């Protein structure tokens, strides 16, 4: 479970980084850069929503439990 969440977070960070690279990279055709950047950002948003829904589903199924904060700290 933790591995799947960590991989999803790495995918989100990778999509954000690739959007940044596409934003900074100069291209010969002006529109190609914007399309790639928009797709990378859309992928990041999609992965974020999917991860959020997966965590909610995991809680509903009982696969993860909230641990809360320690009281005596």
PDB file of N, CA and C in Angstrom:
ATOM      1  N   UNK A   1       0.821  -1.183   0.000  1.00  0.00           N
ATOM      2  CA  UNK A   1       0.000   0.000   0.000  1.00  0.00           C
ATOM      3  C   UNK A   1       0.872   1.257   0.000  1.00  0.00           C
ATOM      4  N   UNK A   2       1.862   1.272   0.908  1.00  0.00           N
ATOM      5  CA  UNK A   2       2.733   2.439   0.990  1.00  0.00           C
ATOM      6  C   UNK A   2       3.536   2.612  -0.291  1.00  0.00           C
ATOM      7  N   UNK A   3       3.932   1.502  -0.888  1.00  0.00           N
ATOM      8  CA  UNK A   3       4.701   1.556  -2.126  1.00  0.00           C
ATOM      9  C   UNK A   3       3.867   2.147  -3.257  1.00  0.00           C
ATOM     10  N   UNK A   4       2.610   1.760  -3.337  1.00  0.00           N
ATOM     11  CA  UNK A   4       1.729   2.277  -4.385  1.00  0.00           C
ATOM     12  C   UNK A   4       1.512   3.788  -4.236  1.00  0.00           C
ATOM     13  N   UNK A   5       1.330   4.234  -3.014  1.00  0.00           N
ATOM     14  CA  UNK A   5       1.142   5.666  -2.771  1.00  0.00           C
ATOM     15  C   UNK A   5       2.423   6.430  -3.073  1.00  0.00           C
ATOM     16  N   UNK A   6       3.572   5.859  -2.682  1.00  0.00           N
ATOM     17  CA  UNK A   6       4.854   6.514  -2.963  1.00  0.00           C
ATOM     18  C   UNK A   6       5.108   6.600  -4.469  1.00  0.00           C
ATOM     19  N   UNK A   7       4.771   5.551  -5.210  1.00  0.00           N
ATOM     20  CA  UNK A   7       4.935   5.578  -6.667  1.00  0.00           C
ATOM     21  C   UNK A   7       4.011   6.609  -7.312  1.00  0.00           C
ATOM     22  N   UNK A   8       2.804   6.729  -6.803  1.00  0.00           N
ATOM     23  CA  UNK A   8       1.880   7.732  -7.337  1.00  0.00           C
ATOM     24  C   UNK A   8       2.403   9.140  -7.071  1.00  0.00           C
ATOM     25  N   UNK A   9       2.939   9.359  -5.885  1.00  0.00           N
ATOM     26  CA  UNK A   9       3.505  10.677  -5.582  1.00  0.00           C
ATOM     27  C   UNK A   9       4.713  10.978  -6.459  1.00  0.00           C
ATOM     28  N   UNK A  10       5.550   9.979  -6.711  1.00  0.00           N
ATOM     29  CA  UNK A  10       6.684  10.177  -7.616  1.00  0.00           C
ATOM     30  C   UNK A  10       6.215  10.474  -9.035  1.00  0.00           C
ATOM     31  N   UNK A  11       5.136   9.826  -9.472  1.00  0.00           N
ATOM     32  CA  UNK A  11       4.577  10.117 -10.786  1.00  0.00           C
ATOM     33  C   UNK A  11       4.050  11.532 -10.883  1.00  0.00           C
ATOM     34  N   UNK A  12       3.432  12.017  -9.814  1.00  0.00           N
ATOM     35  CA  UNK A  12       2.925  13.385  -9.784  1.00  0.00           C
ATOM     36  C   UNK A  12       4.078  14.375  -9.869  1.00  0.00           C
ATOM     37  N   UNK A  13       5.140  14.118  -9.110  1.00  0.00           N
ATOM     38  CA  UNK A  13       6.304  15.002  -9.136  1.00  0.00           C
ATOM     39  C   UNK A  13       6.981  14.968 -10.501  1.00  0.00           C
ATOM     40  N   UNK A  14       7.060  13.772 -11.114  1.00  0.00           N
ATOM     41  CA  UNK A  14       7.671  13.655 -12.439  1.00  0.00           C
ATOM     42  C   UNK A  14       6.866  14.414 -13.493  1.00  0.00           C
ATOM     43  N   UNK A  15       5.546  14.350 -13.417  1.00  0.00           N
ATOM     44  CA  UNK A  15       4.708  15.093 -14.367  1.00  0.00           C
ATOM     45  C   UNK A  15       4.871  16.592 -14.187  1.00  0.00           C
ATOM     46  N   UNK A  16       4.992  17.033 -12.936  1.00  0.00           N
ATOM     47  CA  UNK A  16       5.192  18.454 -12.674  1.00  0.00           C
ATOM     48  C   UNK A  16       6.565  18.902 -13.182  1.00  0.00           C
ATOM     49  N   UNK A  17       7.579  18.073 -12.979  1.00  0.00           N
ATOM     50  CA  UNK A  17       8.921  18.409 -13.458  1.00  0.00           C
ATOM     51  C   UNK A  17       8.969  18.450 -14.981  1.00  0.00           C
ATOM     52  N   UNK A  18       8.302  17.508 -15.637  1.00  0.00           N
ATOM     53  CA  UNK A  18       8.313  17.521 -17.104  1.00  0.00           C
ATOM     54  C   UNK A  18       7.571  18.745 -17.648  1.00  0.00           C
ATOM     55  N   UNK A  19       6.520  19.177 -16.959  1.00  0.00           N
ATOM     56  CA  UNK A  19       5.829  20.404 -17.380  1.00  0.00           C
ATOM     57  C   UNK A  19       6.756  21.604 -17.238  1.00  0.00           C
ATOM     58  N   UNK A  20       7.541  21.627 -16.182  1.00  0.00           N
ATOM     59  CA  UNK A  20       8.506  22.706 -16.010  1.00  0.00           C
ATOM     60  C   UNK A  20       9.571  22.707 -17.083  1.00  0.00           C
ATOM     61  N   UNK A  21      10.031  21.519 -17.463  1.00  0.00           N
ATOM     62  CA  UNK A  21      11.026  21.412 -18.532  1.00  0.00           C
ATOM     63  C   UNK A  21      10.433  21.891 -19.850  1.00  0.00           C
ATOM     64  N   UNK A  22       9.208  21.483 -20.141  1.00  0.00           N
ATOM     65  CA  UNK A  22       8.566  21.917 -21.386  1.00  0.00           C
ATOM     66  C   UNK A  22       8.345  23.425 -21.392  1.00  0.00           C
ATOM     67  N   UNK A  23       8.095  24.007 -20.214  1.00  0.00           N
ATOM     68  CA  UNK A  23       7.877  25.443 -20.132  1.00  0.00           C
ATOM     69  C   UNK A  23       9.177  26.202 -20.420  1.00  0.00           C
ATOM     70  N   UNK A  24      10.286  25.689 -19.907  1.00  0.00           N
ATOM     71  CA  UNK A  24      11.557  26.389 -20.054  1.00  0.00           C
ATOM     72  C   UNK A  24      12.272  26.093 -21.371  1.00  0.00           C
ATOM     73  N   UNK A  25      11.939  24.981 -21.978  1.00  0.00           N
ATOM     74  CA  UNK A  25      12.609  24.554 -23.202  1.00  0.00           C
ATOM     75  C   UNK A  25      12.110  25.372 -24.387  1.00  0.00           C
ATOM     76  N   UNK A  26      13.032  25.843 -25.190  1.00  0.00           N
ATOM     77  CA  UNK A  26      12.646  26.588 -26.389  1.00  0.00           C
ATOM     78  C   UNK A  26      12.405  25.610 -27.527  1.00  0.00           C
ATOM     79  N   UNK A  27      11.329  25.827 -28.240  1.00  0.00           N
ATOM     80  CA  UNK A  27      11.013  24.958 -29.370  1.00  0.00           C
ATOM     81  C   UNK A  27      10.921  25.788 -30.638  1.00  0.00           C
ATOM     82  N   UNK A  28      11.108  25.125 -31.742  1.00  0.00           N
ATOM     83  CA  UNK A  28      11.044  25.826 -33.040  1.00  0.00           C
ATOM     84  C   UNK A  28       9.612  26.161 -33.414  1.00  0.00           C
ATOM     85  N   UNK A  29       8.687  25.259 -33.095  1.00  0.00           N
ATOM     86  CA  UNK A  29       7.272  25.542 -33.340  1.00  0.00           C
ATOM     87  C   UNK A  29       6.658  25.992 -32.012  1.00  0.00           C
ATOM     88  N   UNK A  30       6.137  27.166 -31.964  1.00  0.00           N
ATOM     89  CA  UNK A  30       5.685  27.779 -30.723  1.00  0.00           C
ATOM     90  C   UNK A  30       4.591  27.012 -29.995  1.00  0.00           C
ATOM     91  N   UNK A  31       3.694  26.338 -30.718  1.00  0.00           N
ATOM     92  CA  UNK A  31       2.558  25.685 -30.078  1.00  0.00           C
ATOM     93  C   UNK A  31       2.890  24.320 -29.508  1.00  0.00           C
ATOM     94  N   UNK A  32       3.909  23.654 -29.991  1.00  0.00           N
ATOM     95  CA  UNK A  32       4.234  22.317 -29.504  1.00  0.00           C
ATOM     96  C   UNK A  32       4.605  22.305 -28.043  1.00  0.00           C
ATOM     97  N   UNK A  33       5.304  23.330 -27.624  1.00  0.00           N
ATOM     98  CA  UNK A  33       5.735  23.412 -26.232  1.00  0.00           C
ATOM     99  C   UNK A  33       4.534  23.573 -25.311  1.00  0.00           C
ATOM    100  N   UNK A  34       3.602  24.425 -25.702  1.00  0.00           N
ATOM    101  CA  UNK A  34       2.433  24.676 -24.860  1.00  0.00           C
ATOM    102  C   UNK A  34       1.546  23.439 -24.748  1.00  0.00           C
ATOM    103  N   UNK A  35       1.395  22.704 -25.838  1.00  0.00           N
ATOM    104  CA  UNK A  35       0.578  21.493 -25.802  1.00  0.00           C
ATOM    105  C   UNK A  35       1.186  20.438 -24.896  1.00  0.00           C
ATOM    106  N   UNK A  36       2.500  20.262 -24.975  1.00  0.00           N
ATOM    107  CA  UNK A  36       3.162  19.270 -24.122  1.00  0.00           C
ATOM    108  C   UNK A  36       3.068  19.660 -22.655  1.00  0.00           C
ATOM    109  N   UNK A  37       3.245  20.942 -22.385  1.00  0.00           N
ATOM    110  CA  UNK A  37       3.159  21.415 -21.009  1.00  0.00           C
ATOM    111  C   UNK A  37       1.739  21.238 -20.464  1.00  0.00           C
ATOM    112  N   UNK A  38       0.742  21.547 -21.267  1.00  0.00           N
ATOM    113  CA  UNK A  38      -0.647  21.397 -20.828  1.00  0.00           C
ATOM    114  C   UNK A  38      -0.988  19.928 -20.583  1.00  0.00           C
ATOM    115  N   UNK A  39      -0.492  19.036 -21.425  1.00  0.00           N
ATOM    116  CA  UNK A  39      -0.743  17.601 -21.215  1.00  0.00           C
ATOM    117  C   UNK A  39      -0.073  17.104 -19.940  1.00  0.00           C
ATOM    118  N   UNK A  40       1.153  17.564 -19.681  1.00  0.00           N
ATOM    119  CA  UNK A  40       1.859  17.142 -18.468  1.00  0.00           C
ATOM    120  C   UNK A  40       1.130  17.644 -17.224  1.00  0.00           C
ATOM    121  N   UNK A  41       0.630  18.881 -17.261  1.00  0.00           N
ATOM    122  CA  UNK A  41      -0.106  19.404 -16.114  1.00  0.00           C
ATOM    123  C   UNK A  41      -1.453  18.701 -15.947  1.00  0.00           C
ATOM    124  N   UNK A  42      -2.103  18.362 -17.063  1.00  0.00           N
ATOM    125  CA  UNK A  42      -3.359  17.613 -16.978  1.00  0.00           C
ATOM    126  C   UNK A  42      -3.118  16.217 -16.406  1.00  0.00           C
ATOM    127  N   UNK A  43      -2.002  15.610 -16.772  1.00  0.00           N
ATOM    128  CA  UNK A  43      -1.648  14.298 -16.221  1.00  0.00           C
ATOM    129  C   UNK A  43      -1.409  14.406 -14.720  1.00  0.00           C
ATOM    130  N   UNK A  44      -0.754  15.478 -14.289  1.00  0.00           N
ATOM    131  CA  UNK A  44      -0.497  15.679 -12.858  1.00  0.00           C
ATOM    132  C   UNK A  44      -1.795  15.820 -12.091  1.00  0.00           C
ATOM    133  N   UNK A  45      -2.721  16.591 -12.627  1.00  0.00           N
ATOM    134  CA  UNK A  45      -4.010  16.773 -11.962  1.00  0.00           C
ATOM    135  C   UNK A  45      -4.778  15.448 -11.928  1.00  0.00           C
ATOM    136  N   UNK A  46      -4.746  14.716 -13.021  1.00  0.00           N
ATOM    137  CA  UNK A  46      -5.425  13.417 -13.056  1.00  0.00           C
ATOM    138  C   UNK A  46      -4.838  12.433 -12.060  1.00  0.00           C
ATOM    139  N   UNK A  47      -3.514  12.389 -11.968  1.00  0.00           N
ATOM    140  CA  UNK A  47      -2.872  11.498 -10.996  1.00  0.00           C
ATOM    141  C   UNK A  47      -3.190  11.917  -9.566  1.00  0.00           C
ATOM    142  N   UNK A  48      -3.246  13.208  -9.307  1.00  0.00           N
ATOM    143  CA  UNK A  48      -3.566  13.689  -7.961  1.00  0.00           C
ATOM    144  C   UNK A  48      -4.989  13.304  -7.563  1.00  0.00           C
ATOM    145  N   UNK A  49      -5.917  13.471  -8.474  1.00  0.00           N
ATOM    146  CA  UNK A  49      -7.309  13.100  -8.193  1.00  0.00           C
ATOM    147  C   UNK A  49      -7.435  11.598  -8.007  1.00  0.00           C
ATOM    148  N   UNK A  50      -6.745  10.824  -8.848  1.00  0.00           N
ATOM    149  CA  UNK A  50      -6.791   9.365  -8.729  1.00  0.00           C
ATOM    150  C   UNK A  50      -6.197   8.908  -7.398  1.00  0.00           C
ATOM    151  N   UNK A  51      -5.112   9.524  -6.974  1.00  0.00           N
ATOM    152  CA  UNK A  51      -4.504   9.156  -5.693  1.00  0.00           C
ATOM    153  C   UNK A  51      -5.437   9.498  -4.540  1.00  0.00           C
ATOM    154  N   UNK A  52      -6.068  10.658  -4.583  1.00  0.00           N
ATOM    155  CA  UNK A  52      -7.012  11.049  -3.539  1.00  0.00           C
ATOM    156  C   UNK A  52      -8.179  10.070  -3.462  1.00  0.00           C
ATOM    157  N   UNK A  53      -8.733   9.710  -4.609  1.00  0.00           N
ATOM    158  CA  UNK A  53      -9.848   8.762  -4.623  1.00  0.00           C
ATOM    159  C   UNK A  53      -9.408   7.382  -4.159  1.00  0.00           C
ATOM    160  N   UNK A  54      -8.180   6.993  -4.500  1.00  0.00           N
ATOM    161  CA  UNK A  54      -7.675   5.696  -4.046  1.00  0.00           C
ATOM    162  C   UNK A  54      -7.499   5.666  -2.532  1.00  0.00           C
ATOM    163  N   UNK A  55      -7.023   6.753  -1.942  1.00  0.00           N
ATOM    164  CA  UNK A  55      -6.869   6.800  -0.489  1.00  0.00           C
ATOM    165  C   UNK A  55      -8.244   6.758   0.180  1.00  0.00           C
ATOM    166  N   UNK A  56      -9.217   7.471  -0.360  1.00  0.00           N
ATOM    167  CA  UNK A  56     -10.572   7.401   0.192  1.00  0.00           C
ATOM    168  C   UNK A  56     -11.157   5.996   0.077  1.00  0.00           C
ATOM    169  N   UNK A  57     -10.936   5.351  -1.067  1.00  0.00           N
ATOM    170  CA  UNK A  57     -11.429   3.984  -1.265  1.00  0.00           C
ATOM    171  C   UNK A  57     -10.730   3.021  -0.304  1.00  0.00           C
ATOM    172  N   UNK A  58      -9.440   3.211  -0.104  1.00  0.00           N
ATOM    173  CA  UNK A  58      -8.693   2.350   0.814  1.00  0.00           C
ATOM    174  C   UNK A  58      -9.201   2.505   2.245  1.00  0.00           C
ATOM    175  N   UNK A  59      -9.519   3.714   2.638  1.00  0.00           N
ATOM    176  CA  UNK A  59     -10.085   3.937   3.969  1.00  0.00           C
ATOM    177  C   UNK A  59     -11.449   3.274   4.087  1.00  0.00           C
ATOM    178  N   UNK A  60     -12.262   3.397   3.052  1.00  0.00           N
ATOM    179  CA  UNK A  60     -13.602   2.798   3.058  1.00  0.00           C
ATOM    180  C   UNK A  60     -13.529   1.276   3.136  1.00  0.00           C
ATOM    181  N   UNK A  61     -12.528   0.680   2.450  1.00  0.00           N
ATOM    182  CA  UNK A  61     -12.368  -0.775   2.467  1.00  0.00           C
ATOM    183  C   UNK A  61     -11.684  -1.272   3.745  1.00  0.00           C
ATOM    184  N   UNK A  62     -11.095  -0.369   4.520  1.00  0.00           N
ATOM    185  CA  UNK A  62     -10.430  -0.776   5.749  1.00  0.00           C
ATOM    186  C   UNK A  62      -8.969  -1.139   5.560  1.00  0.00           C
ATOM    187  N   UNK A  63      -8.402  -0.815   4.414  1.00  0.00           N
ATOM    188  CA  UNK A  63      -7.000  -1.146   4.144  1.00  0.00           C
ATOM    189  C   UNK A  63      -6.060  -0.217   4.880  1.00  0.00           C
ATOM    190  N   UNK A  64      -6.478   1.010   5.122  1.00  0.00           N
ATOM    191  CA  UNK A  64      -5.679   1.974   5.881  1.00  0.00           C
ATOM    192  C   UNK A  64      -6.544   2.487   7.035  1.00  0.00           C
ATOM    193  N   UNK A  65      -5.887   2.808   8.128  1.00  0.00           N
ATOM    194  CA  UNK A  65      -6.575   3.333   9.299  1.00  0.00           C
ATOM    195  C   UNK A  65      -5.891   4.633   9.725  1.00  0.00           C
ATOM    196  N   UNK A  66      -6.664   5.610  10.154  1.00  0.00           N
ATOM    197  CA  UNK A  66      -6.038   6.839  10.647  1.00  0.00           C
ATOM    198  C   UNK A  66      -5.348   6.547  11.979  1.00  0.00           C
ATOM    199  N   UNK A  67      -4.151   7.099  12.142  1.00  0.00           N
ATOM    200  CA  UNK A  67      -3.409   6.844  13.376  1.00  0.00           C
ATOM    201  C   UNK A  67      -3.564   8.009  14.352  1.00  0.00           C
ATOM    202  N   UNK A  68      -3.840   9.179  13.874  1.00  0.00           N
ATOM    203  CA  UNK A  68      -4.008  10.328  14.755  1.00  0.00           C
ATOM    204  C   UNK A  68      -2.683  10.834  15.298  1.00  0.00           C
ATOM    205  N   UNK A  69      -2.761  11.833  16.133  1.00  0.00           N
ATOM    206  CA  UNK A  69      -1.569  12.393  16.757  1.00  0.00           C
ATOM    207  C   UNK A  69      -1.425  11.814  18.171  1.00  0.00           C
ATOM    208  N   UNK A  70      -0.187  11.611  18.600  1.00  0.00           N
ATOM    209  CA  UNK A  70      -0.002  11.139  19.976  1.00  0.00           C
ATOM    210  C   UNK A  70      -0.435  12.220  20.975  1.00  0.00           C
ATOM    211  N   UNK A  71      -1.134  11.813  22.015  1.00  0.00           N
ATOM    212  CA  UNK A  71      -1.695  12.753  22.975  1.00  0.00           C
ATOM    213  C   UNK A  71      -0.625  13.255  23.934  1.00  0.00           C
ATOM    214  N   UNK A  72       0.290  12.404  24.369  1.00  0.00           N
ATOM    215  CA  UNK A  72       1.271  12.747  25.391  1.00  0.00           C
ATOM    216  C   UNK A  72       2.562  13.276  24.836  1.00  0.00           C
ATOM    217  N   UNK A  73       2.511  14.189  23.913  1.00  0.00           N
ATOM    218  CA  UNK A  73       3.753  14.763  23.351  1.00  0.00           C
ATOM    219  C   UNK A  73       3.909  16.160  23.750  1.00  0.00           C
TER     220      UNK A  73
END
